[in-house]
């Protein structure tokens, strides 16, 4: 094949960025603008030795797997690359991706993957919206592979309340002729309490006039309670955090805190994580990449606050939230530390020195705030890049009976699973939870057992008020 060549082919698969995948002349071709099952005419835009890229020109035979009319902005926005595919097909596709990565990269032979947990109503699910603002005052999302802002008056995966706040900012910018002064708007929503937070990022931290008008228009755009308004890093109205109530626990969330973006699916994800952890009470639990302490607090609740939970997180405001969340929920068994997990865990285990700054801001060796010589259960919930090998080595040296790995990236998950299975642990099973319908992302929770321990899979039964409340 060569650039400019016109081809016809059947789309046999899809990639996570929404491109169709087909074969012709013995080569794999990635085609944009189509879905699984389409027969398309396409034009080659880039040709390599064993594969090529193409622009879809015409759908010759549309797939019966199409989700017609999903979103009028989907082709320009690019935020929902699977939106034109029926939801049940999205779930099957994601399950196939994860199994493929665990097999090819993780080296697992026929890994056990439980049925994917999808949503009953896979729309309006995000509790965090991040909008881009153009120099013309348009509010939407950045077009794929560009810096252009696509004006989106509505988004099918964002809450209507968040869209209302975006509309309020739009009115303010245009009424005060302030186009070009704002870069970004973030809206956080707590569905359990109805509280919301708006965070506005200005260009070069510029000042905005008539803040009373701004607050009024933002509040008018939401039926929820707009508890907090930030401009850049300063809270200019309301309180500095919003409070969420879920699964029998309360969480305070600040602008920079990590908190799962899908509240409904988060409960299912953490319910499965607790099933895999199989906590009885009295265990030492490590919650690594802990965010605002969500998993650790669920674990403490599961143990009825009998045991020890140690969380590590690099974002300081999130750690402050995590420790405050422990107090709010009356948990005395939790402790959260600030720093990179790959640095802090080896240090508190005595594998390497614990470093900190003295009164003149010099980096010196210090006494660690606590020590750990073993763990019974380790929760790993890293960012997309996965875990550093130094951290995995320390986890192995802690010799937990069980490792529960929560991942948003199948490739780095598989890489880390390979390391763990080569260093004393058996992969037992995984469950996928669709946290991000219509996108190319999926959350996977895996269970690994120490090779000296027995594994028994028991259906999870929530205690007391449960996680699916």
Foldseek 3Di string as FASTA:
>chain_A
DDAFDKDKFAFAAAAQLQWTWTDDPQAIETEPDAHHGWIFIWGWHADDDRYTYTYTDDGPGHGPQFDPPQDPCCVFFSFQSQSRGHQVVLQVRLVVVLVVLLVPQLVDDPFFEDRAAEDPDQWQFFQKDKWFAALQGAIAHAGPPGRDHDRDCDDGRHHQQVSLLSVLSSCVCVVVVPRRFWTMWMKGAAVQQLEIEIETETVVLDDDPDVVSSVVSNCVSGPGHDQFYHYHHRTPGHDQWDWHDFFNFIFTDGPPFDDQGGLQLVLVVLLVLCLLLVDQAAFEEEEEQQTLNVSVVVNCVVNVLHHAYEYEHADVVSQVRNVVSCVVRVRPRYHYDHDHLLQQLCCLQVVDFDWDADPVGDIDGDDDPHHANAGQEYEAEDAQQADDVSNLVSNLRNPHQKYKYKHFHSNNVSNSSSVVVVRFKDWHYKYWYASDGSGSTTIMITMIGGPVDDDDRDDGDAPDVGRND
